[in-house]
Amino acid sequence: MVPVTVHLPAGMFQELQASDILLSDLVRETLRNELDRRRLPAAIGLRYVTPAERRVLAYLTTHLTLAEIGERLHLRRTTVKSHVASIYGKMNVSSRSELVRRLDAAPDSGALGLTHHVAV
């Protein structure tokens, strides 16, 4: 067997899983491990979050729905949803709970101007 190095952009692994392509368990596990190894620290992703996204991000650590966040920030739900998708991409996460875990693990996220907890 010859080792093969595969370079995939972030998010492609999810696309491969969702497609009709059948991957062996070994290939799937190898890809997953490689992407996990390359995962950037949360603090790096935070540097690319825009001010508008940062305002939404502060509320994502609360129990509020996207519609409720939109009401608080005077934004449409679709705008909030768009910001959330962009934040998830920049933070390399796929869920709100994963985002919160990464933020909690980022020691300098406060230094980047992110307020973790918003009074609701």
PDB file of N, CA and C in Angstrom:
ATOM      1  N   MET A   1       0.845  -1.172   0.000  1.00  0.00           N
ATOM      2  CA  MET A   1       0.000   0.000   0.000  1.00  0.00           C
ATOM      3  C   MET A   1       0.891   1.237   0.000  1.00  0.00           C
ATOM      4  N   VAL A   2       0.578   2.212  -0.827  1.00  0.00           N
ATOM      5  CA  VAL A   2       1.353   3.444  -0.943  1.00  0.00           C
ATOM      6  C   VAL A   2       0.619   4.547  -0.200  1.00  0.00           C
ATOM      7  N   PRO A   3       1.311   5.257   0.734  1.00  0.00           N
ATOM      8  CA  PRO A   3       0.638   6.356   1.426  1.00  0.00           C
ATOM      9  C   PRO A   3       0.336   7.491   0.457  1.00  0.00           C
ATOM     10  N   VAL A   4      -0.817   8.089   0.614  1.00  0.00           N
ATOM     11  CA  VAL A   4      -1.246   9.180  -0.254  1.00  0.00           C
ATOM     12  C   VAL A   4      -1.569  10.378   0.619  1.00  0.00           C
ATOM     13  N   THR A   5      -1.062  11.542   0.249  1.00  0.00           N
ATOM     14  CA  THR A   5      -1.378  12.770   0.961  1.00  0.00           C
ATOM     15  C   THR A   5      -2.477  13.483   0.192  1.00  0.00           C
ATOM     16  N   VAL A   6      -3.540  13.816   0.908  1.00  0.00           N
ATOM     17  CA  VAL A   6      -4.674  14.509   0.295  1.00  0.00           C
ATOM     18  C   VAL A   6      -4.821  15.856   0.979  1.00  0.00           C
ATOM     19  N   HIS A   7      -4.836  16.927   0.199  1.00  0.00           N
ATOM     20  CA  HIS A   7      -5.017  18.273   0.729  1.00  0.00           C
ATOM     21  C   HIS A   7      -6.429  18.727   0.357  1.00  0.00           C
ATOM     22  N   LEU A   8      -7.253  18.925   1.371  1.00  0.00           N
ATOM     23  CA  LEU A   8      -8.638  19.346   1.143  1.00  0.00           C
ATOM     24  C   LEU A   8      -8.894  20.665   1.840  1.00  0.00           C
ATOM     25  N   PRO A   9      -9.636  21.562   1.201  1.00  0.00           N
ATOM     26  CA  PRO A   9     -10.022  22.788   1.889  1.00  0.00           C
ATOM     27  C   PRO A   9     -11.000  22.467   3.008  1.00  0.00           C
ATOM     28  N   ALA A  10     -11.034  23.342   4.021  1.00  0.00           N
ATOM     29  CA  ALA A  10     -11.964  23.149   5.132  1.00  0.00           C
ATOM     30  C   ALA A  10     -13.381  23.049   4.594  1.00  0.00           C
ATOM     31  N   GLY A  11     -14.167  22.173   5.148  1.00  0.00           N
ATOM     32  CA  GLY A  11     -15.550  21.991   4.742  1.00  0.00           C
ATOM     33  C   GLY A  11     -15.740  20.919   3.690  1.00  0.00           C
ATOM     34  N   MET A  12     -14.694  20.559   2.977  1.00  0.00           N
ATOM     35  CA  MET A  12     -14.843  19.563   1.923  1.00  0.00           C
ATOM     36  C   MET A  12     -15.130  18.182   2.499  1.00  0.00           C
ATOM     37  N   PHE A  13     -14.606  17.891   3.692  1.00  0.00           N
ATOM     38  CA  PHE A  13     -14.854  16.584   4.293  1.00  0.00           C
ATOM     39  C   PHE A  13     -16.352  16.395   4.509  1.00  0.00           C
ATOM     40  N   GLN A  14     -17.040  17.437   4.976  1.00  0.00           N
ATOM     41  CA  GLN A  14     -18.479  17.337   5.163  1.00  0.00           C
ATOM     42  C   GLN A  14     -19.180  17.119   3.823  1.00  0.00           C
ATOM     43  N   GLU A  15     -18.689  17.776   2.784  1.00  0.00           N
ATOM     44  CA  GLU A  15     -19.278  17.595   1.458  1.00  0.00           C
ATOM     45  C   GLU A  15     -19.078  16.164   0.968  1.00  0.00           C
ATOM     46  N   LEU A  16     -17.904  15.606   1.224  1.00  0.00           N
ATOM     47  CA  LEU A  16     -17.651  14.220   0.818  1.00  0.00           C
ATOM     48  C   LEU A  16     -18.570  13.264   1.557  1.00  0.00           C
ATOM     49  N   GLN A  17     -18.763  13.518   2.841  1.00  0.00           N
ATOM     50  CA  GLN A  17     -19.634  12.646   3.624  1.00  0.00           C
ATOM     51  C   GLN A  17     -21.067  12.706   3.121  1.00  0.00           C
ATOM     52  N   ALA A  18     -21.494  13.886   2.723  1.00  0.00           N
ATOM     53  CA  ALA A  18     -22.878  14.062   2.312  1.00  0.00           C
ATOM     54  C   ALA A  18     -23.119  13.608   0.876  1.00  0.00           C
ATOM     55  N   SER A  19     -22.068  13.428   0.127  1.00  0.00           N
ATOM     56  CA  SER A  19     -22.242  13.054  -1.274  1.00  0.00           C
ATOM     57  C   SER A  19     -22.440  11.544  -1.426  1.00  0.00           C
ATOM     58  N   ASP A  20     -22.593  11.124  -2.656  1.00  0.00           N
ATOM     59  CA  ASP A  20     -22.784   9.704  -2.941  1.00  0.00           C
ATOM     60  C   ASP A  20     -21.467   8.938  -2.994  1.00  0.00           C
ATOM     61  N   ILE A  21     -20.350   9.652  -2.800  1.00  0.00           N
ATOM     62  CA  ILE A  21     -19.049   8.997  -2.844  1.00  0.00           C
ATOM     63  C   ILE A  21     -18.904   8.093  -1.625  1.00  0.00           C
ATOM     64  N   LEU A  22     -18.540   6.862  -1.864  1.00  0.00           N
ATOM     65  CA  LEU A  22     -18.337   5.928  -0.761  1.00  0.00           C
ATOM     66  C   LEU A  22     -16.856   5.912  -0.415  1.00  0.00           C
ATOM     67  N   LEU A  23     -16.554   6.260   0.816  1.00  0.00           N
ATOM     68  CA  LEU A  23     -15.175   6.255   1.279  1.00  0.00           C
ATOM     69  C   LEU A  23     -14.987   5.118   2.272  1.00  0.00           C
ATOM     70  N   SER A  24     -13.874   4.463   2.189  1.00  0.00           N
ATOM     71  CA  SER A  24     -13.601   3.413   3.167  1.00  0.00           C
ATOM     72  C   SER A  24     -13.474   4.046   4.540  1.00  0.00           C
ATOM     73  N   ASP A  25     -13.711   3.274   5.576  1.00  0.00           N
ATOM     74  CA  ASP A  25     -13.607   3.786   6.934  1.00  0.00           C
ATOM     75  C   ASP A  25     -12.213   4.337   7.209  1.00  0.00           C
ATOM     76  N   LEU A  26     -11.198   3.685   6.683  1.00  0.00           N
ATOM     77  CA  LEU A  26      -9.825   4.133   6.896  1.00  0.00           C
ATOM     78  C   LEU A  26      -9.590   5.499   6.254  1.00  0.00           C
ATOM     79  N   VAL A  27     -10.061   5.690   5.029  1.00  0.00           N
ATOM     80  CA  VAL A  27      -9.895   6.972   4.344  1.00  0.00           C
ATOM     81  C   VAL A  27     -10.671   8.051   5.083  1.00  0.00           C
ATOM     82  N   ARG A  28     -11.899   7.753   5.469  1.00  0.00           N
ATOM     83  CA  ARG A  28     -12.730   8.721   6.186  1.00  0.00           C
ATOM     84  C   ARG A  28     -12.060   9.136   7.495  1.00  0.00           C
ATOM     85  N   GLU A  29     -11.564   8.189   8.240  1.00  0.00           N
ATOM     86  CA  GLU A  29     -10.913   8.481   9.516  1.00  0.00           C
ATOM     87  C   GLU A  29      -9.618   9.272   9.307  1.00  0.00           C
ATOM     88  N   THR A  30      -8.863   8.938   8.273  1.00  0.00           N
ATOM     89  CA  THR A  30      -7.632   9.660   7.968  1.00  0.00           C
ATOM     90  C   THR A  30      -7.931  11.113   7.628  1.00  0.00           C
ATOM     91  N   LEU A  31      -8.951  11.346   6.809  1.00  0.00           N
ATOM     92  CA  LEU A  31      -9.335  12.712   6.458  1.00  0.00           C
ATOM     93  C   LEU A  31      -9.807  13.484   7.683  1.00  0.00           C
ATOM     94  N   ARG A  32     -10.623  12.857   8.504  1.00  0.00           N
ATOM     95  CA  ARG A  32     -11.123  13.509   9.718  1.00  0.00           C
ATOM     96  C   ARG A  32      -9.956  13.896  10.631  1.00  0.00           C
ATOM     97  N   ASN A  33      -9.012  12.991  10.838  1.00  0.00           N
ATOM     98  CA  ASN A  33      -7.868  13.278  11.704  1.00  0.00           C
ATOM     99  C   ASN A  33      -7.017  14.415  11.151  1.00  0.00           C
ATOM    100  N   GLU A  34      -6.818  14.425   9.845  1.00  0.00           N
ATOM    101  CA  GLU A  34      -6.007  15.479   9.226  1.00  0.00           C
ATOM    102  C   GLU A  34      -6.681  16.836   9.367  1.00  0.00           C
ATOM    103  N   LEU A  35      -7.985  16.898   9.161  1.00  0.00           N
ATOM    104  CA  LEU A  35      -8.688  18.168   9.297  1.00  0.00           C
ATOM    105  C   LEU A  35      -8.713  18.629  10.740  1.00  0.00           C
ATOM    106  N   ASP A  36      -8.875  17.718  11.685  1.00  0.00           N
ATOM    107  CA  ASP A  36      -8.835  18.081  13.097  1.00  0.00           C
ATOM    108  C   ASP A  36      -7.464  18.623  13.472  1.00  0.00           C
ATOM    109  N   ARG A  37      -6.428  18.027  12.924  1.00  0.00           N
ATOM    110  CA  ARG A  37      -5.060  18.458  13.225  1.00  0.00           C
ATOM    111  C   ARG A  37      -4.809  19.876  12.706  1.00  0.00           C
ATOM    112  N   ARG A  38      -5.419  20.210  11.586  1.00  0.00           N
ATOM    113  CA  ARG A  38      -5.212  21.520  10.976  1.00  0.00           C
ATOM    114  C   ARG A  38      -6.134  22.601  11.528  1.00  0.00           C
ATOM    115  N   ARG A  39      -7.053  22.226  12.375  1.00  0.00           N
ATOM    116  CA  ARG A  39      -8.018  23.184  12.907  1.00  0.00           C
ATOM    117  C   ARG A  39      -7.285  24.344  13.577  1.00  0.00           C
ATOM    118  N   LEU A  40      -7.619  25.551  13.178  1.00  0.00           N
ATOM    119  CA  LEU A  40      -6.959  26.722  13.730  1.00  0.00           C
ATOM    120  C   LEU A  40      -7.477  27.022  15.128  1.00  0.00           C
ATOM    121  N   PRO A  41      -6.639  27.615  15.973  1.00  0.00           N
ATOM    122  CA  PRO A  41      -7.132  28.047  17.286  1.00  0.00           C
ATOM    123  C   PRO A  41      -8.255  29.064  17.109  1.00  0.00           C
ATOM    124  N   ALA A  42      -9.189  29.079  18.043  1.00  0.00           N
ATOM    125  CA  ALA A  42     -10.340  29.983  17.945  1.00  0.00           C
ATOM    126  C   ALA A  42      -9.901  31.433  17.859  1.00  0.00           C
ATOM    127  N   ALA A  43      -8.842  31.795  18.569  1.00  0.00           N
ATOM    128  CA  ALA A  43      -8.397  33.182  18.574  1.00  0.00           C
ATOM    129  C   ALA A  43      -8.011  33.650  17.174  1.00  0.00           C
ATOM    130  N   ILE A  44      -7.470  32.782  16.348  1.00  0.00           N
ATOM    131  CA  ILE A  44      -7.109  33.162  14.978  1.00  0.00           C
ATOM    132  C   ILE A  44      -8.372  33.438  14.178  1.00  0.00           C
ATOM    133  N   GLY A  45      -9.376  32.569  14.295  1.00  0.00           N
ATOM    134  CA  GLY A  45     -10.633  32.785  13.590  1.00  0.00           C
ATOM    135  C   GLY A  45     -11.318  34.066  14.019  1.00  0.00           C
ATOM    136  N   LEU A  46     -11.206  34.411  15.300  1.00  0.00           N
ATOM    137  CA  LEU A  46     -11.838  35.626  15.806  1.00  0.00           C
ATOM    138  C   LEU A  46     -11.275  36.884  15.159  1.00  0.00           C
ATOM    139  N   ARG A  47     -10.031  36.848  14.759  1.00  0.00           N
ATOM    140  CA  ARG A  47      -9.406  38.030  14.146  1.00  0.00           C
ATOM    141  C   ARG A  47     -10.088  38.409  12.826  1.00  0.00           C
ATOM    142  N   TYR A  48     -10.757  37.463  12.198  1.00  0.00           N
ATOM    143  CA  TYR A  48     -11.376  37.710  10.895  1.00  0.00           C
ATOM    144  C   TYR A  48     -12.871  37.992  10.988  1.00  0.00           C
ATOM    145  N   VAL A  49     -13.416  37.978  12.176  1.00  0.00           N
ATOM    146  CA  VAL A  49     -14.839  38.252  12.382  1.00  0.00           C
ATOM    147  C   VAL A  49     -15.046  39.765  12.295  1.00  0.00           C
ATOM    148  N   THR A  50     -15.979  40.175  11.440  1.00  0.00           N
ATOM    149  CA  THR A  50     -16.246  41.603  11.244  1.00  0.00           C
ATOM    150  C   THR A  50     -16.947  42.190  12.468  1.00  0.00           C
ATOM    151  N   PRO A  51     -16.975  43.514  12.609  1.00  0.00           N
ATOM    152  CA  PRO A  51     -17.689  44.125  13.736  1.00  0.00           C
ATOM    153  C   PRO A  51     -19.171  43.716  13.792  1.00  0.00           C
ATOM    154  N   ALA A  52     -19.831  43.654  12.648  1.00  0.00           N
ATOM    155  CA  ALA A  52     -21.244  43.248  12.625  1.00  0.00           C
ATOM    156  C   ALA A  52     -21.393  41.797  13.093  1.00  0.00           C
ATOM    157  N   GLU A  53     -20.503  40.925  12.627  1.00  0.00           N
ATOM    158  CA  GLU A  53     -20.534  39.521  13.041  1.00  0.00           C
ATOM    159  C   GLU A  53     -20.221  39.404  14.529  1.00  0.00           C
ATOM    160  N   ARG A  54     -19.331  40.256  15.029  1.00  0.00           N
ATOM    161  CA  ARG A  54     -18.948  40.239  16.445  1.00  0.00           C
ATOM    162  C   ARG A  54     -20.152  40.537  17.343  1.00  0.00           C
ATOM    163  N   ARG A  55     -21.005  41.470  16.891  1.00  0.00           N
ATOM    164  CA  ARG A  55     -22.213  41.791  17.672  1.00  0.00           C
ATOM    165  C   ARG A  55     -23.135  40.577  17.744  1.00  0.00           C
ATOM    166  N   VAL A  56     -23.291  39.870  16.630  1.00  0.00           N
ATOM    167  CA  VAL A  56     -24.104  38.645  16.610  1.00  0.00           C
ATOM    168  C   VAL A  56     -23.437  37.568  17.454  1.00  0.00           C
ATOM    169  N   LEU A  57     -22.140  37.443  17.315  1.00  0.00           N
ATOM    170  CA  LEU A  57     -21.380  36.426  18.042  1.00  0.00           C
ATOM    171  C   LEU A  57     -21.572  36.547  19.550  1.00  0.00           C
ATOM    172  N   ALA A  58     -21.622  37.761  20.051  1.00  0.00           N
ATOM    173  CA  ALA A  58     -21.815  37.965  21.490  1.00  0.00           C
ATOM    174  C   ALA A  58     -23.126  37.345  21.973  1.00  0.00           C
ATOM    175  N   TYR A  59     -24.154  37.376  21.134  1.00  0.00           N
ATOM    176  CA  TYR A  59     -25.448  36.812  21.510  1.00  0.00           C
ATOM    177  C   TYR A  59     -25.528  35.307  21.280  1.00  0.00           C
ATOM    178  N   LEU A  60     -24.634  34.756  20.466  1.00  0.00           N
ATOM    179  CA  LEU A  60     -24.679  33.313  20.210  1.00  0.00           C
ATOM    180  C   LEU A  60     -24.327  32.491  21.440  1.00  0.00           C
ATOM    181  N   THR A  61     -23.743  33.120  22.450  1.00  0.00           N
ATOM    182  CA  THR A  61     -23.417  32.405  23.684  1.00  0.00           C
ATOM    183  C   THR A  61     -24.597  32.391  24.651  1.00  0.00           C
ATOM    184  N   THR A  62     -25.726  32.952  24.235  1.00  0.00           N
ATOM    185  CA  THR A  62     -26.927  32.997  25.076  1.00  0.00           C
ATOM    186  C   THR A  62     -27.947  31.976  24.580  1.00  0.00           C
ATOM    187  N   HIS A  63     -29.066  31.948  25.229  1.00  0.00           N
ATOM    188  CA  HIS A  63     -30.155  31.032  24.860  1.00  0.00           C
ATOM    189  C   HIS A  63     -31.087  31.611  23.797  1.00  0.00           C
ATOM    190  N   LEU A  64     -30.813  32.812  23.320  1.00  0.00           N
ATOM    191  CA  LEU A  64     -31.703  33.469  22.376  1.00  0.00           C
ATOM    192  C   LEU A  64     -31.713  32.780  21.018  1.00  0.00           C
ATOM    193  N   THR A  65     -32.876  32.778  20.375  1.00  0.00           N
ATOM    194  CA  THR A  65     -32.984  32.256  19.014  1.00  0.00           C
ATOM    195  C   THR A  65     -32.418  33.291  18.040  1.00  0.00           C
ATOM    196  N   LEU A  66     -32.236  32.887  16.789  1.00  0.00           N
ATOM    197  CA  LEU A  66     -31.735  33.827  15.788  1.00  0.00           C
ATOM    198  C   LEU A  66     -32.696  34.997  15.599  1.00  0.00           C
ATOM    199  N   ALA A  67     -33.980  34.708  15.637  1.00  0.00           N
ATOM    200  CA  ALA A  67     -34.979  35.773  15.492  1.00  0.00           C
ATOM    201  C   ALA A  67     -34.889  36.755  16.660  1.00  0.00           C
ATOM    202  N   GLU A  68     -34.698  36.236  17.866  1.00  0.00           N
ATOM    203  CA  GLU A  68     -34.583  37.103  19.045  1.00  0.00           C
ATOM    204  C   GLU A  68     -33.297  37.937  18.998  1.00  0.00           C
ATOM    205  N   ILE A  69     -32.222  37.333  18.513  1.00  0.00           N
ATOM    206  CA  ILE A  69     -30.972  38.087  18.346  1.00  0.00           C
ATOM    207  C   ILE A  69     -31.201  39.215  17.341  1.00  0.00           C
ATOM    208  N   GLY A  70     -31.896  38.903  16.267  1.00  0.00           N
ATOM    209  CA  GLY A  70     -32.217  39.918  15.261  1.00  0.00           C
ATOM    210  C   GLY A  70     -33.019  41.066  15.849  1.00  0.00           C
ATOM    211  N   GLU A  71     -33.980  40.751  16.694  1.00  0.00           N
ATOM    212  CA  GLU A  71     -34.782  41.799  17.334  1.00  0.00           C
ATOM    213  C   GLU A  71     -33.900  42.693  18.200  1.00  0.00           C
ATOM    214  N   ARG A  72     -33.011  42.086  18.964  1.00  0.00           N
ATOM    215  CA  ARG A  72     -32.123  42.861  19.850  1.00  0.00           C
ATOM    216  C   ARG A  72     -31.184  43.764  19.056  1.00  0.00           C
ATOM    217  N   LEU A  73     -30.716  43.287  17.915  1.00  0.00           N
ATOM    218  CA  LEU A  73     -29.744  44.040  17.120  1.00  0.00           C
ATOM    219  C   LEU A  73     -30.404  44.817  15.973  1.00  0.00           C
ATOM    220  N   HIS A  74     -31.730  44.751  15.887  1.00  0.00           N
ATOM    221  CA  HIS A  74     -32.486  45.415  14.827  1.00  0.00           C
ATOM    222  C   HIS A  74     -32.051  44.926  13.453  1.00  0.00           C
ATOM    223  N   LEU A  75     -31.954  43.599  13.339  1.00  0.00           N
ATOM    224  CA  LEU A  75     -31.593  42.939  12.088  1.00  0.00           C
ATOM    225  C   LEU A  75     -32.663  41.921  11.729  1.00  0.00           C
ATOM    226  N   ARG A  76     -32.782  41.623  10.461  1.00  0.00           N
ATOM    227  CA  ARG A  76     -33.665  40.542  10.036  1.00  0.00           C
ATOM    228  C   ARG A  76     -33.053  39.206  10.422  1.00  0.00           C
ATOM    229  N   ARG A  77     -33.913  38.220  10.617  1.00  0.00           N
ATOM    230  CA  ARG A  77     -33.426  36.888  10.966  1.00  0.00           C
ATOM    231  C   ARG A  77     -32.486  36.354   9.888  1.00  0.00           C
ATOM    232  N   THR A  78     -32.800  36.633   8.628  1.00  0.00           N
ATOM    233  CA  THR A  78     -31.949  36.144   7.534  1.00  0.00           C
ATOM    234  C   THR A  78     -30.558  36.781   7.579  1.00  0.00           C
ATOM    235  N   THR A  79     -30.484  38.039   8.012  1.00  0.00           N
ATOM    236  CA  THR A  79     -29.186  38.700   8.155  1.00  0.00           C
ATOM    237  C   THR A  79     -28.391  38.050   9.276  1.00  0.00           C
ATOM    238  N   VAL A  80     -29.066  37.771  10.395  1.00  0.00           N
ATOM    239  CA  VAL A  80     -28.411  37.095  11.518  1.00  0.00           C
ATOM    240  C   VAL A  80     -27.918  35.724  11.065  1.00  0.00           C
ATOM    241  N   LYS A  81     -28.771  35.008  10.339  1.00  0.00           N
ATOM    242  CA  LYS A  81     -28.400  33.673   9.856  1.00  0.00           C
ATOM    243  C   LYS A  81     -27.177  33.742   8.949  1.00  0.00           C
ATOM    244  N   SER A  82     -27.104  34.763   8.109  1.00  0.00           N
ATOM    245  CA  SER A  82     -25.959  34.954   7.223  1.00  0.00           C
ATOM    246  C   SER A  82     -24.686  35.223   8.033  1.00  0.00           C
ATOM    247  N   HIS A  83     -24.800  36.073   9.047  1.00  0.00           N
ATOM    248  CA  HIS A  83     -23.649  36.348   9.915  1.00  0.00           C
ATOM    249  C   HIS A  83     -23.201  35.081  10.637  1.00  0.00           C
ATOM    250  N   VAL A  84     -24.156  34.293  11.108  1.00  0.00           N
ATOM    251  CA  VAL A  84     -23.828  33.048  11.823  1.00  0.00           C
ATOM    252  C   VAL A  84     -23.082  32.090  10.897  1.00  0.00           C
ATOM    253  N   ALA A  85     -23.543  31.950   9.671  1.00  0.00           N
ATOM    254  CA  ALA A  85     -22.864  31.061   8.715  1.00  0.00           C
ATOM    255  C   ALA A  85     -21.430  31.531   8.475  1.00  0.00           C
ATOM    256  N   SER A  86     -21.244  32.823   8.358  1.00  0.00           N
ATOM    257  CA  SER A  86     -19.906  33.375   8.149  1.00  0.00           C
ATOM    258  C   SER A  86     -19.024  33.142   9.374  1.00  0.00           C
ATOM    259  N   ILE A  87     -19.582  33.333  10.559  1.00  0.00           N
ATOM    260  CA  ILE A  87     -18.849  33.109  11.810  1.00  0.00           C
ATOM    261  C   ILE A  87     -18.438  31.648  11.917  1.00  0.00           C
ATOM    262  N   TYR A  88     -19.374  30.734  11.642  1.00  0.00           N
ATOM    263  CA  TYR A  88     -19.068  29.302  11.710  1.00  0.00           C
ATOM    264  C   TYR A  88     -17.914  28.954  10.775  1.00  0.00           C
ATOM    265  N   GLY A  89     -17.931  29.524   9.571  1.00  0.00           N
ATOM    266  CA  GLY A  89     -16.864  29.254   8.625  1.00  0.00           C
ATOM    267  C   GLY A  89     -15.518  29.773   9.112  1.00  0.00           C
ATOM    268  N   LYS A  90     -15.519  30.988   9.642  1.00  0.00           N
ATOM    269  CA  LYS A  90     -14.273  31.585  10.122  1.00  0.00           C
ATOM    270  C   LYS A  90     -13.741  30.882  11.364  1.00  0.00           C
ATOM    271  N   MET A  91     -14.653  30.364  12.183  1.00  0.00           N
ATOM    272  CA  MET A  91     -14.256  29.683  13.420  1.00  0.00           C
ATOM    273  C   MET A  91     -14.087  28.181  13.208  1.00  0.00           C
ATOM    274  N   ASN A  92     -14.414  27.716  12.009  1.00  0.00           N
ATOM    275  CA  ASN A  92     -14.291  26.305  11.662  1.00  0.00           C
ATOM    276  C   ASN A  92     -15.107  25.412  12.596  1.00  0.00           C
ATOM    277  N   VAL A  93     -16.361  25.789  12.788  1.00  0.00           N
ATOM    278  CA  VAL A  93     -17.287  25.006  13.601  1.00  0.00           C
ATOM    279  C   VAL A  93     -18.556  24.764  12.792  1.00  0.00           C
ATOM    280  N   SER A  94     -19.373  23.837  13.275  1.00  0.00           N
ATOM    281  CA  SER A  94     -20.606  23.549  12.548  1.00  0.00           C
ATOM    282  C   SER A  94     -21.851  23.654  13.432  1.00  0.00           C
ATOM    283  N   SER A  95     -21.684  24.071  14.694  1.00  0.00           N
ATOM    284  CA  SER A  95     -22.847  24.225  15.568  1.00  0.00           C
ATOM    285  C   SER A  95     -22.577  25.301  16.613  1.00  0.00           C
ATOM    286  N   ARG A  96     -23.647  25.770  17.186  1.00  0.00           N
ATOM    287  CA  ARG A  96     -23.551  26.808  18.220  1.00  0.00           C
ATOM    288  C   ARG A  96     -22.818  26.288  19.452  1.00  0.00           C
ATOM    289  N   SER A  97     -23.110  25.060  19.846  1.00  0.00           N
ATOM    290  CA  SER A  97     -22.453  24.502  21.032  1.00  0.00           C
ATOM    291  C   SER A  97     -20.953  24.328  20.793  1.00  0.00           C
ATOM    292  N   GLU A  98     -20.572  23.923  19.585  1.00  0.00           N
ATOM    293  CA  GLU A  98     -19.153  23.788  19.255  1.00  0.00           C
ATOM    294  C   GLU A  98     -18.474  25.163  19.267  1.00  0.00           C
ATOM    295  N   LEU A  99     -19.178  26.189  18.798  1.00  0.00           N
ATOM    296  CA  LEU A  99     -18.649  27.545  18.812  1.00  0.00           C
ATOM    297  C   LEU A  99     -18.378  27.997  20.244  1.00  0.00           C
ATOM    298  N   VAL A 100     -19.334  27.771  21.127  1.00  0.00           N
ATOM    299  CA  VAL A 100     -19.179  28.185  22.528  1.00  0.00           C
ATOM    300  C   VAL A 100     -18.003  27.461  23.172  1.00  0.00           C
ATOM    301  N   ARG A 101     -17.865  26.163  22.901  1.00  0.00           N
ATOM    302  CA  ARG A 101     -16.724  25.413  23.455  1.00  0.00           C
ATOM    303  C   ARG A 101     -15.396  25.989  22.969  1.00  0.00           C
ATOM    304  N   ARG A 102     -15.329  26.327  21.682  1.00  0.00           N
ATOM    305  CA  ARG A 102     -14.079  26.886  21.140  1.00  0.00           C
ATOM    306  C   ARG A 102     -13.795  28.254  21.732  1.00  0.00           C
ATOM    307  N   LEU A 103     -14.830  29.067  21.926  1.00  0.00           N
ATOM    308  CA  LEU A 103     -14.630  30.381  22.529  1.00  0.00           C
ATOM    309  C   LEU A 103     -14.152  30.254  23.968  1.00  0.00           C
ATOM    310  N   ASP A 104     -14.742  29.334  24.697  1.00  0.00           N
ATOM    311  CA  ASP A 104     -14.337  29.134  26.089  1.00  0.00           C
ATOM    312  C   ASP A 104     -12.897  28.647  26.188  1.00  0.00           C
ATOM    313  N   ALA A 105     -12.439  27.930  25.173  1.00  0.00           N
ATOM    314  CA  ALA A 105     -11.076  27.394  25.175  1.00  0.00           C
ATOM    315  C   ALA A 105     -10.054  28.409  24.670  1.00  0.00           C
ATOM    316  N   ALA A 106     -10.511  29.528  24.116  1.00  0.00           N
ATOM    317  CA  ALA A 106      -9.596  30.538  23.570  1.00  0.00           C
ATOM    318  C   ALA A 106      -9.208  31.510  24.675  1.00  0.00           C
ATOM    319  N   PRO A 107      -7.980  31.418  25.180  1.00  0.00           N
ATOM    320  CA  PRO A 107      -7.576  32.245  26.313  1.00  0.00           C
ATOM    321  C   PRO A 107      -7.571  33.739  26.031  1.00  0.00           C
ATOM    322  N   ASP A 108      -7.335  34.147  24.796  1.00  0.00           N
ATOM    323  CA  ASP A 108      -7.250  35.577  24.508  1.00  0.00           C
ATOM    324  C   ASP A 108      -8.450  36.109  23.739  1.00  0.00           C
ATOM    325  N   SER A 109      -9.576  35.408  23.767  1.00  0.00           N
ATOM    326  CA  SER A 109     -10.733  35.896  23.020  1.00  0.00           C
ATOM    327  C   SER A 109     -11.252  37.204  23.596  1.00  0.00           C
ATOM    328  N   GLY A 110     -11.111  37.421  24.911  1.00  0.00           N
ATOM    329  CA  GLY A 110     -11.502  38.687  25.518  1.00  0.00           C
ATOM    330  C   GLY A 110     -10.632  39.834  25.043  1.00  0.00           C
ATOM    331  N   ALA A 111      -9.352  39.546  24.809  1.00  0.00           N
ATOM    332  CA  ALA A 111      -8.416  40.578  24.342  1.00  0.00           C
ATOM    333  C   ALA A 111      -8.745  41.020  22.919  1.00  0.00           C
ATOM    334  N   LEU A 112      -9.496  40.216  22.207  1.00  0.00           N
ATOM    335  CA  LEU A 112      -9.858  40.562  20.831  1.00  0.00           C
ATOM    336  C   LEU A 112     -11.167  41.337  20.761  1.00  0.00           C
ATOM    337  N   GLY A 113     -11.692  41.716  21.916  1.00  0.00           N
ATOM    338  CA  GLY A 113     -12.895  42.541  21.941  1.00  0.00           C
ATOM    339  C   GLY A 113     -14.192  41.773  21.941  1.00  0.00           C
ATOM    340  N   LEU A 114     -14.160  40.493  22.256  1.00  0.00           N
ATOM    341  CA  LEU A 114     -15.388  39.711  22.292  1.00  0.00           C
ATOM    342  C   LEU A 114     -15.912  39.648  23.714  1.00  0.00           C
ATOM    343  N   THR A 115     -17.144  40.063  23.899  1.00  0.00           N
ATOM    344  CA  THR A 115     -17.793  39.904  25.192  1.00  0.00           C
ATOM    345  C   THR A 115     -18.548  38.610  25.151  1.00  0.00           C
ATOM    346  N   HIS A 116     -18.105  37.638  25.963  1.00  0.00           N
ATOM    347  CA  HIS A 116     -18.726  36.311  25.940  1.00  0.00           C
ATOM    348  C   HIS A 116     -20.177  36.332  26.381  1.00  0.00           C
ATOM    349  N   HIS A 117     -20.466  37.081  27.402  1.00  0.00           N
ATOM    350  CA  HIS A 117     -21.801  36.996  27.988  1.00  0.00           C
ATOM    351  C   HIS A 117     -22.497  38.343  27.885  1.00  0.00           C
ATOM    352  N   VAL A 118     -23.660  38.320  27.297  1.00  0.00           N
ATOM    353  CA  VAL A 118     -24.465  39.521  27.095  1.00  0.00           C
ATOM    354  C   VAL A 118     -25.652  39.430  28.028  1.00  0.00           C
ATOM    355  N   ALA A 119     -25.981  40.511  28.685  1.00  0.00           N
ATOM    356  CA  ALA A 119     -27.160  40.513  29.557  1.00  0.00           C
ATOM    357  C   ALA A 119     -28.397  40.357  28.687  1.00  0.00           C
ATOM    358  N   VAL A 120     -29.233  39.369  29.016  1.00  0.00           N
ATOM    359  CA  VAL A 120     -30.438  39.116  28.212  1.00  0.00           C
ATOM    360  C   VAL A 120     -31.693  39.383  28.997  1.00  0.00           C
TER     361      VAL A 120
END
